[in-house]
Every structure is written in C-alpha cells, then in structure tokens.
Amino acid sequence: PKRPREVAELQAAAAVGQMGLAQM
C-alpha cells in the first residue's frame, strides 16, 4: 500500500512492474 524505502524493495517493485508497463 505504501512506497517502500529500502532500495532492494524499490528494485524488486520495479522489476515486477516493468513487465506490465512495457506490455501495456
């Protein structure tokens, strides 16, 4: 629900979200 602060978590979120973003 909230944007994480840890860099590793931000990177993980980006990796997951990039798939859907590019496809859309």
mmCIF file of all heavy atoms, coordinates in Angstrom:
data_MODEL
# 
_entry.id   MODEL 
# 
loop_
_atom_site.group_PDB 
_atom_site.id 
_atom_site.type_symbol 
_atom_site.label_atom_id 
_atom_site.label_alt_id 
_atom_site.label_comp_id 
_atom_site.label_asym_id 
_atom_site.label_entity_id 
_atom_site.label_seq_id 
_atom_site.pdbx_PDB_ins_code 
_atom_site.Cartn_x 
_atom_site.Cartn_y 
_atom_site.Cartn_z 
_atom_site.occupancy 
_atom_site.B_iso_or_equiv 
_atom_site.pdbx_formal_charge 
_atom_site.auth_seq_id 
_atom_site.auth_comp_id 
_atom_site.auth_asym_id 
_atom_site.auth_atom_id 
_atom_site.pdbx_PDB_model_num 
ATOM 1   N N   . PRO A 1 1  ? 0.801  -1.227  0.000   1.00 0.00 ? 1  PRO A N   1 
ATOM 2   C CA  . PRO A 1 1  ? 0.000  0.000   0.000   1.00 0.00 ? 1  PRO A CA  1 
ATOM 3   C C   . PRO A 1 1  ? 0.835  1.280   0.000   1.00 0.00 ? 1  PRO A C   1 
ATOM 4   O O   . PRO A 1 1  ? 0.350  2.330   -0.404  1.00 0.00 ? 1  PRO A O   1 
ATOM 5   C CB  . PRO A 1 1  ? -0.818 -0.110  1.288   1.00 0.00 ? 1  PRO A CB  1 
ATOM 6   C CG  . PRO A 1 1  ? 0.024  -0.964  2.192   1.00 0.00 ? 1  PRO A CG  1 
ATOM 7   C CD  . PRO A 1 1  ? 0.717  -1.934  1.296   1.00 0.00 ? 1  PRO A CD  1 
ATOM 8   N N   . LYS A 1 2  ? 2.073  1.201   0.488   1.00 0.00 ? 2  LYS A N   1 
ATOM 9   C CA  . LYS A 1 2  ? 2.926  2.386   0.554   1.00 0.00 ? 2  LYS A CA  1 
ATOM 10  C C   . LYS A 1 2  ? 4.235  2.141   -0.174  1.00 0.00 ? 2  LYS A C   1 
ATOM 11  O O   . LYS A 1 2  ? 4.738  1.013   -0.220  1.00 0.00 ? 2  LYS A O   1 
ATOM 12  C CB  . LYS A 1 2  ? 3.225  2.757   2.012   1.00 0.00 ? 2  LYS A CB  1 
ATOM 13  C CG  . LYS A 1 2  ? 1.998  3.211   2.793   1.00 0.00 ? 2  LYS A CG  1 
ATOM 14  C CD  . LYS A 1 2  ? 2.392  3.616   4.214   1.00 0.00 ? 2  LYS A CD  1 
ATOM 15  C CE  . LYS A 1 2  ? 1.177  4.083   5.009   1.00 0.00 ? 2  LYS A CE  1 
ATOM 16  N NZ  . LYS A 1 2  ? 1.548  4.475   6.401   1.00 0.00 ? 2  LYS A NZ  1 
ATOM 17  N N   . ARG A 1 3  ? 4.783  3.211   -0.738  1.00 0.00 ? 3  ARG A N   1 
ATOM 18  C CA  . ARG A 1 3  ? 6.057  3.125   -1.429  1.00 0.00 ? 3  ARG A CA  1 
ATOM 19  C C   . ARG A 1 3  ? 7.150  2.754   -0.438  1.00 0.00 ? 3  ARG A C   1 
ATOM 20  O O   . ARG A 1 3  ? 7.339  3.425   0.582   1.00 0.00 ? 3  ARG A O   1 
ATOM 21  C CB  . ARG A 1 3  ? 6.394  4.465   -2.086  1.00 0.00 ? 3  ARG A CB  1 
ATOM 22  C CG  . ARG A 1 3  ? 7.683  4.456   -2.918  1.00 0.00 ? 3  ARG A CG  1 
ATOM 23  C CD  . ARG A 1 3  ? 7.941  5.858   -3.469  1.00 0.00 ? 3  ARG A CD  1 
ATOM 24  N NE  . ARG A 1 3  ? 9.203  5.934   -4.182  1.00 0.00 ? 3  ARG A NE  1 
ATOM 25  C CZ  . ARG A 1 3  ? 9.353  5.837   -5.498  1.00 0.00 ? 3  ARG A CZ  1 
ATOM 26  N NH1 . ARG A 1 3  ? 8.290  5.650   -6.250  1.00 0.00 ? 3  ARG A NH1 1 
ATOM 27  N NH2 . ARG A 1 3  ? 10.536 5.931   -6.062  1.00 0.00 ? 3  ARG A NH2 1 
ATOM 28  N N   . PRO A 1 4  ? 7.897  1.674   -0.686  1.00 0.00 ? 4  PRO A N   1 
ATOM 29  C CA  . PRO A 1 4  ? 8.936  1.253   0.266   1.00 0.00 ? 4  PRO A CA  1 
ATOM 30  C C   . PRO A 1 4  ? 10.115 2.215   0.259   1.00 0.00 ? 4  PRO A C   1 
ATOM 31  O O   . PRO A 1 4  ? 10.316 2.978   -0.688  1.00 0.00 ? 4  PRO A O   1 
ATOM 32  C CB  . PRO A 1 4  ? 9.341  -0.125  -0.251  1.00 0.00 ? 4  PRO A CB  1 
ATOM 33  C CG  . PRO A 1 4  ? 9.025  -0.097  -1.712  1.00 0.00 ? 4  PRO A CG  1 
ATOM 34  C CD  . PRO A 1 4  ? 7.799  0.766   -1.844  1.00 0.00 ? 4  PRO A CD  1 
ATOM 35  N N   . ARG A 1 5  ? 10.908 2.134   1.311   1.00 0.00 ? 5  ARG A N   1 
ATOM 36  C CA  . ARG A 1 5  ? 12.099 2.964   1.415   1.00 0.00 ? 5  ARG A CA  1 
ATOM 37  C C   . ARG A 1 5  ? 13.378 2.202   1.093   1.00 0.00 ? 5  ARG A C   1 
ATOM 38  O O   . ARG A 1 5  ? 14.365 2.798   0.670   1.00 0.00 ? 5  ARG A O   1 
ATOM 39  C CB  . ARG A 1 5  ? 12.197 3.552   2.834   1.00 0.00 ? 5  ARG A CB  1 
ATOM 40  C CG  . ARG A 1 5  ? 11.066 4.520   3.161   1.00 0.00 ? 5  ARG A CG  1 
ATOM 41  C CD  . ARG A 1 5  ? 11.269 5.123   4.546   1.00 0.00 ? 5  ARG A CD  1 
ATOM 42  N NE  . ARG A 1 5  ? 10.219 6.087   4.863   1.00 0.00 ? 5  ARG A NE  1 
ATOM 43  C CZ  . ARG A 1 5  ? 10.153 6.778   6.007   1.00 0.00 ? 5  ARG A CZ  1 
ATOM 44  N NH1 . ARG A 1 5  ? 11.098 6.581   6.943   1.00 0.00 ? 5  ARG A NH1 1 
ATOM 45  N NH2 . ARG A 1 5  ? 9.178  7.623   6.208   1.00 0.00 ? 5  ARG A NH2 1 
ATOM 46  N N   . GLU A 1 6  ? 13.366 0.911   1.329   1.00 0.00 ? 6  GLU A N   1 
ATOM 47  C CA  . GLU A 1 6  ? 14.560 0.115   1.086   1.00 0.00 ? 6  GLU A CA  1 
ATOM 48  C C   . GLU A 1 6  ? 14.831 0.008   -0.417  1.00 0.00 ? 6  GLU A C   1 
ATOM 49  O O   . GLU A 1 6  ? 13.922 -0.266  -1.208  1.00 0.00 ? 6  GLU A O   1 
ATOM 50  C CB  . GLU A 1 6  ? 14.400 -1.292  1.673   1.00 0.00 ? 6  GLU A CB  1 
ATOM 51  C CG  . GLU A 1 6  ? 14.318 -1.327  3.193   1.00 0.00 ? 6  GLU A CG  1 
ATOM 52  C CD  . GLU A 1 6  ? 15.624 -0.890  3.842   1.00 0.00 ? 6  GLU A CD  1 
ATOM 53  O OE1 . GLU A 1 6  ? 16.699 -1.143  3.241   1.00 0.00 ? 6  GLU A OE1 1 
ATOM 54  O OE2 . GLU A 1 6  ? 15.577 -0.295  4.927   1.00 0.00 ? 6  GLU A OE2 1 
ATOM 55  N N   . VAL A 1 7  ? 16.084 0.218   -0.805  1.00 0.00 ? 7  VAL A N   1 
ATOM 56  C CA  . VAL A 1 7  ? 16.453 0.190   -2.220  1.00 0.00 ? 7  VAL A CA  1 
ATOM 57  C C   . VAL A 1 7  ? 16.124 -1.162  -2.837  1.00 0.00 ? 7  VAL A C   1 
ATOM 58  O O   . VAL A 1 7  ? 15.605 -1.238  -3.954  1.00 0.00 ? 7  VAL A O   1 
ATOM 59  C CB  . VAL A 1 7  ? 17.943 0.526   -2.388  1.00 0.00 ? 7  VAL A CB  1 
ATOM 60  C CG1 . VAL A 1 7  ? 18.400 0.248   -3.819  1.00 0.00 ? 7  VAL A CG1 1 
ATOM 61  C CG2 . VAL A 1 7  ? 18.207 1.979   -2.027  1.00 0.00 ? 7  VAL A CG2 1 
ATOM 62  N N   . ALA A 1 8  ? 16.423 -2.252  -2.133  1.00 0.00 ? 8  ALA A N   1 
ATOM 63  C CA  . ALA A 1 8  ? 16.163 -3.588  -2.683  1.00 0.00 ? 8  ALA A CA  1 
ATOM 64  C C   . ALA A 1 8  ? 14.680 -3.791  -2.964  1.00 0.00 ? 8  ALA A C   1 
ATOM 65  O O   . ALA A 1 8  ? 14.307 -4.423  -3.967  1.00 0.00 ? 8  ALA A O   1 
ATOM 66  C CB  . ALA A 1 8  ? 16.674 -4.658  -1.715  1.00 0.00 ? 8  ALA A CB  1 
ATOM 67  N N   . GLU A 1 9  ? 13.821 -3.258  -2.101  1.00 0.00 ? 9  GLU A N   1 
ATOM 68  C CA  . GLU A 1 9  ? 12.380 -3.388  -2.318  1.00 0.00 ? 9  GLU A CA  1 
ATOM 69  C C   . GLU A 1 9  ? 11.924 -2.518  -3.492  1.00 0.00 ? 9  GLU A C   1 
ATOM 70  O O   . GLU A 1 9  ? 11.057 -2.921  -4.275  1.00 0.00 ? 9  GLU A O   1 
ATOM 71  C CB  . GLU A 1 9  ? 11.627 -3.011  -1.038  1.00 0.00 ? 9  GLU A CB  1 
ATOM 72  C CG  . GLU A 1 9  ? 11.836 -4.009  0.097   1.00 0.00 ? 9  GLU A CG  1 
ATOM 73  C CD  . GLU A 1 9  ? 11.102 -3.598  1.363   1.00 0.00 ? 9  GLU A CD  1 
ATOM 74  O OE1 . GLU A 1 9  ? 10.786 -2.398  1.506   1.00 0.00 ? 9  GLU A OE1 1 
ATOM 75  O OE2 . GLU A 1 9  ? 10.841 -4.477  2.195   1.00 0.00 ? 9  GLU A OE2 1 
ATOM 76  N N   . LEU A 1 10 ? 12.501 -1.337  -3.636  1.00 0.00 ? 10 LEU A N   1 
ATOM 77  C CA  . LEU A 1 10 ? 12.185 -0.494  -4.788  1.00 0.00 ? 10 LEU A CA  1 
ATOM 78  C C   . LEU A 1 10 ? 12.602 -1.179  -6.083  1.00 0.00 ? 10 LEU A C   1 
ATOM 79  O O   . LEU A 1 10 ? 11.861 -1.169  -7.077  1.00 0.00 ? 10 LEU A O   1 
ATOM 80  C CB  . LEU A 1 10 ? 12.903 0.851   -4.660  1.00 0.00 ? 10 LEU A CB  1 
ATOM 81  C CG  . LEU A 1 10 ? 12.359 1.827   -3.623  1.00 0.00 ? 10 LEU A CG  1 
ATOM 82  C CD1 . LEU A 1 10 ? 13.347 2.965   -3.400  1.00 0.00 ? 10 LEU A CD1 1 
ATOM 83  C CD2 . LEU A 1 10 ? 11.013 2.387   -4.059  1.00 0.00 ? 10 LEU A CD2 1 
ATOM 84  N N   . GLN A 1 11 ? 13.765 -1.805  -6.059  1.00 0.00 ? 11 GLN A N   1 
ATOM 85  C CA  . GLN A 1 11 ? 14.237 -2.505  -7.243  1.00 0.00 ? 11 GLN A CA  1 
ATOM 86  C C   . GLN A 1 11 ? 13.339 -3.696  -7.574  1.00 0.00 ? 11 GLN A C   1 
ATOM 87  O O   . GLN A 1 11 ? 13.046 -3.961  -8.740  1.00 0.00 ? 11 GLN A O   1 
ATOM 88  C CB  . GLN A 1 11 ? 15.682 -2.953  -7.039  1.00 0.00 ? 11 GLN A CB  1 
ATOM 89  C CG  . GLN A 1 11 ? 16.659 -1.779  -6.971  1.00 0.00 ? 11 GLN A CG  1 
ATOM 90  C CD  . GLN A 1 11 ? 18.062 -2.207  -6.574  1.00 0.00 ? 11 GLN A CD  1 
ATOM 91  O OE1 . GLN A 1 11 ? 18.237 -3.189  -5.877  1.00 0.00 ? 11 GLN A OE1 1 
ATOM 92  N NE2 . GLN A 1 11 ? 19.057 -1.442  -7.007  1.00 0.00 ? 11 GLN A NE2 1 
ATOM 93  N N   . ALA A 1 12 ? 12.906 -4.404  -6.555  1.00 0.00 ? 12 ALA A N   1 
ATOM 94  C CA  . ALA A 1 12 ? 12.013 -5.549  -6.778  1.00 0.00 ? 12 ALA A CA  1 
ATOM 95  C C   . ALA A 1 12 ? 10.682 -5.093  -7.363  1.00 0.00 ? 12 ALA A C   1 
ATOM 96  O O   . ALA A 1 12 ? 10.148 -5.709  -8.300  1.00 0.00 ? 12 ALA A O   1 
ATOM 97  C CB  . ALA A 1 12 ? 11.794 -6.296  -5.460  1.00 0.00 ? 12 ALA A CB  1 
ATOM 98  N N   . ALA A 1 13 ? 10.143 -4.005  -6.823  1.00 0.00 ? 13 ALA A N   1 
ATOM 99  C CA  . ALA A 1 13 ? 8.878  -3.477  -7.339  1.00 0.00 ? 13 ALA A CA  1 
ATOM 100 C C   . ALA A 1 13 ? 9.026  -3.054  -8.797  1.00 0.00 ? 13 ALA A C   1 
ATOM 101 O O   . ALA A 1 13 ? 8.141  -3.295  -9.625  1.00 0.00 ? 13 ALA A O   1 
ATOM 102 C CB  . ALA A 1 13 ? 8.413  -2.298  -6.481  1.00 0.00 ? 13 ALA A CB  1 
ATOM 103 N N   . ALA A 1 14 ? 10.160 -2.429  -9.111  1.00 0.00 ? 14 ALA A N   1 
ATOM 104 C CA  . ALA A 1 14 ? 10.397 -2.001  -10.488 1.00 0.00 ? 14 ALA A CA  1 
ATOM 105 C C   . ALA A 1 14 ? 10.483 -3.195  -11.433 1.00 0.00 ? 14 ALA A C   1 
ATOM 106 O O   . ALA A 1 14 ? 9.944  -3.169  -12.545 1.00 0.00 ? 14 ALA A O   1 
ATOM 107 C CB  . ALA A 1 14 ? 11.678 -1.185  -10.566 1.00 0.00 ? 14 ALA A CB  1 
ATOM 108 N N   . ALA A 1 15 ? 11.146 -4.252  -10.992 1.00 0.00 ? 15 ALA A N   1 
ATOM 109 C CA  . ALA A 1 15 ? 11.296 -5.441  -11.827 1.00 0.00 ? 15 ALA A CA  1 
ATOM 110 C C   . ALA A 1 15 ? 9.947  -6.074  -12.136 1.00 0.00 ? 15 ALA A C   1 
ATOM 111 O O   . ALA A 1 15 ? 9.687  -6.506  -13.265 1.00 0.00 ? 15 ALA A O   1 
ATOM 112 C CB  . ALA A 1 15 ? 12.221 -6.450  -11.136 1.00 0.00 ? 15 ALA A CB  1 
ATOM 113 N N   . VAL A 1 16 ? 9.082  -6.123  -11.128 1.00 0.00 ? 16 VAL A N   1 
ATOM 114 C CA  . VAL A 1 16 ? 7.743  -6.699  -11.323 1.00 0.00 ? 16 VAL A CA  1 
ATOM 115 C C   . VAL A 1 16 ? 6.891  -5.794  -12.210 1.00 0.00 ? 16 VAL A C   1 
ATOM 116 O O   . VAL A 1 16 ? 6.235  -6.241  -13.154 1.00 0.00 ? 16 VAL A O   1 
ATOM 117 C CB  . VAL A 1 16 ? 7.060  -6.924  -9.961  1.00 0.00 ? 16 VAL A CB  1 
ATOM 118 C CG1 . VAL A 1 16 ? 5.605  -7.345  -10.151 1.00 0.00 ? 16 VAL A CG1 1 
ATOM 119 C CG2 . VAL A 1 16 ? 7.805  -7.977  -9.146  1.00 0.00 ? 16 VAL A CG2 1 
ATOM 120 N N   . GLY A 1 17 ? 6.924  -4.488  -11.926 1.00 0.00 ? 17 GLY A N   1 
ATOM 121 C CA  . GLY A 1 17 ? 6.059  -3.569  -12.643 1.00 0.00 ? 17 GLY A CA  1 
ATOM 122 C C   . GLY A 1 17 ? 6.479  -3.298  -14.070 1.00 0.00 ? 17 GLY A C   1 
ATOM 123 O O   . GLY A 1 17 ? 5.646  -2.999  -14.929 1.00 0.00 ? 17 GLY A O   1 
ATOM 124 N N   . GLN A 1 18 ? 7.771  -3.412  -14.355 1.00 0.00 ? 18 GLN A N   1 
ATOM 125 C CA  . GLN A 1 18 ? 8.253  -3.111  -15.694 1.00 0.00 ? 18 GLN A CA  1 
ATOM 126 C C   . GLN A 1 18 ? 7.656  -4.041  -16.740 1.00 0.00 ? 18 GLN A C   1 
ATOM 127 O O   . GLN A 1 18 ? 7.412  -3.626  -17.885 1.00 0.00 ? 18 GLN A O   1 
ATOM 128 C CB  . GLN A 1 18 ? 9.783  -3.219  -15.716 1.00 0.00 ? 18 GLN A CB  1 
ATOM 129 C CG  . GLN A 1 18 ? 10.450 -2.618  -16.937 1.00 0.00 ? 18 GLN A CG  1 
ATOM 130 C CD  . GLN A 1 18 ? 10.222 -1.130  -17.057 1.00 0.00 ? 18 GLN A CD  1 
ATOM 131 O OE1 . GLN A 1 18 ? 9.512  -0.671  -17.936 1.00 0.00 ? 18 GLN A OE1 1 
ATOM 132 N NE2 . GLN A 1 18 ? 10.807 -0.370  -16.160 1.00 0.00 ? 18 GLN A NE2 1 
ATOM 133 N N   . MET A 1 19 ? 7.389  -5.267  -16.357 1.00 0.00 ? 19 MET A N   1 
ATOM 134 C CA  . MET A 1 19 ? 6.792  -6.220  -17.283 1.00 0.00 ? 19 MET A CA  1 
ATOM 135 C C   . MET A 1 19 ? 5.439  -5.729  -17.786 1.00 0.00 ? 19 MET A C   1 
ATOM 136 O O   . MET A 1 19 ? 5.177  -5.685  -18.991 1.00 0.00 ? 19 MET A O   1 
ATOM 137 C CB  . MET A 1 19 ? 6.627  -7.585  -16.594 1.00 0.00 ? 19 MET A CB  1 
ATOM 138 C CG  . MET A 1 19 ? 7.932  -8.244  -16.192 1.00 0.00 ? 19 MET A CG  1 
ATOM 139 S SD  . MET A 1 19 ? 8.892  -8.805  -17.604 1.00 0.00 ? 19 MET A SD  1 
ATOM 140 C CE  . MET A 1 19 ? 7.893  -10.181 -18.154 1.00 0.00 ? 19 MET A CE  1 
ATOM 141 N N   . GLY A 1 20 ? 4.591  -5.355  -16.849 1.00 0.00 ? 20 GLY A N   1 
ATOM 142 C CA  . GLY A 1 20 ? 3.254  -4.908  -17.236 1.00 0.00 ? 20 GLY A CA  1 
ATOM 143 C C   . GLY A 1 20 ? 3.270  -3.581  -17.972 1.00 0.00 ? 20 GLY A C   1 
ATOM 144 O O   . GLY A 1 20 ? 2.495  -3.368  -18.915 1.00 0.00 ? 20 GLY A O   1 
ATOM 145 N N   . LEU A 1 21 ? 4.154  -2.687  -17.549 1.00 0.00 ? 21 LEU A N   1 
ATOM 146 C CA  . LEU A 1 21 ? 4.228  -1.361  -18.171 1.00 0.00 ? 21 LEU A CA  1 
ATOM 147 C C   . LEU A 1 21 ? 4.615  -1.473  -19.641 1.00 0.00 ? 21 LEU A C   1 
ATOM 148 O O   . LEU A 1 21 ? 3.982  -0.878  -20.519 1.00 0.00 ? 21 LEU A O   1 
ATOM 149 C CB  . LEU A 1 21 ? 5.233  -0.493  -17.415 1.00 0.00 ? 21 LEU A CB  1 
ATOM 150 C CG  . LEU A 1 21 ? 5.313  0.978   -17.814 1.00 0.00 ? 21 LEU A CG  1 
ATOM 151 C CD1 . LEU A 1 21 ? 4.042  1.712   -17.435 1.00 0.00 ? 21 LEU A CD1 1 
ATOM 152 C CD2 . LEU A 1 21 ? 6.521  1.648   -17.155 1.00 0.00 ? 21 LEU A CD2 1 
ATOM 153 N N   . ALA A 1 22 ? 5.662  -2.244  -19.925 1.00 0.00 ? 22 ALA A N   1 
ATOM 154 C CA  . ALA A 1 22 ? 6.122  -2.395  -21.309 1.00 0.00 ? 22 ALA A CA  1 
ATOM 155 C C   . ALA A 1 22 ? 5.055  -3.065  -22.170 1.00 0.00 ? 22 ALA A C   1 
ATOM 156 O O   . ALA A 1 22 ? 4.817  -2.659  -23.320 1.00 0.00 ? 22 ALA A O   1 
ATOM 157 C CB  . ALA A 1 22 ? 7.414  -3.202  -21.336 1.00 0.00 ? 22 ALA A CB  1 
ATOM 158 N N   . GLN A 1 23 ? 4.416  -4.078  -21.616 1.00 0.00 ? 23 GLN A N   1 
ATOM 159 C CA  . GLN A 1 23 ? 3.391  -4.793  -22.378 1.00 0.00 ? 23 GLN A CA  1 
ATOM 160 C C   . GLN A 1 23 ? 2.212  -3.883  -22.708 1.00 0.00 ? 23 GLN A C   1 
ATOM 161 O O   . GLN A 1 23 ? 1.682  -3.916  -23.824 1.00 0.00 ? 23 GLN A O   1 
ATOM 162 C CB  . GLN A 1 23 ? 2.903  -6.007  -21.587 1.00 0.00 ? 23 GLN A CB  1 
ATOM 163 C CG  . GLN A 1 23 ? 1.866  -6.844  -22.342 1.00 0.00 ? 23 GLN A CG  1 
ATOM 164 C CD  . GLN A 1 23 ? 1.376  -8.021  -21.515 1.00 0.00 ? 23 GLN A CD  1 
ATOM 165 O OE1 . GLN A 1 23 ? 1.231  -7.921  -20.309 1.00 0.00 ? 23 GLN A OE1 1 
ATOM 166 N NE2 . GLN A 1 23 ? 1.130  -9.134  -22.174 1.00 0.00 ? 23 GLN A NE2 1 
ATOM 167 N N   . MET A 1 24 ? 1.812  -3.043  -21.756 1.00 0.00 ? 24 MET A N   1 
ATOM 168 C CA  . MET A 1 24 ? 0.672  -2.158  -21.973 1.00 0.00 ? 24 MET A CA  1 
ATOM 169 C C   . MET A 1 24 ? 0.964  -1.150  -23.083 1.00 0.00 ? 24 MET A C   1 
ATOM 170 O O   . MET A 1 24 ? 0.144  -0.928  -23.973 1.00 0.00 ? 24 MET A O   1 
ATOM 171 C CB  . MET A 1 24 ? 0.319  -1.435  -20.679 1.00 0.00 ? 24 MET A CB  1 
ATOM 172 C CG  . MET A 1 24 ? -0.871 -0.488  -20.808 1.00 0.00 ? 24 MET A CG  1 
ATOM 173 S SD  . MET A 1 24 ? -2.433 -1.358  -21.114 1.00 0.00 ? 24 MET A SD  1 
ATOM 174 C CE  . MET A 1 24 ? -2.730 -2.051  -19.464 1.00 0.00 ? 24 MET A CE  1 
# 
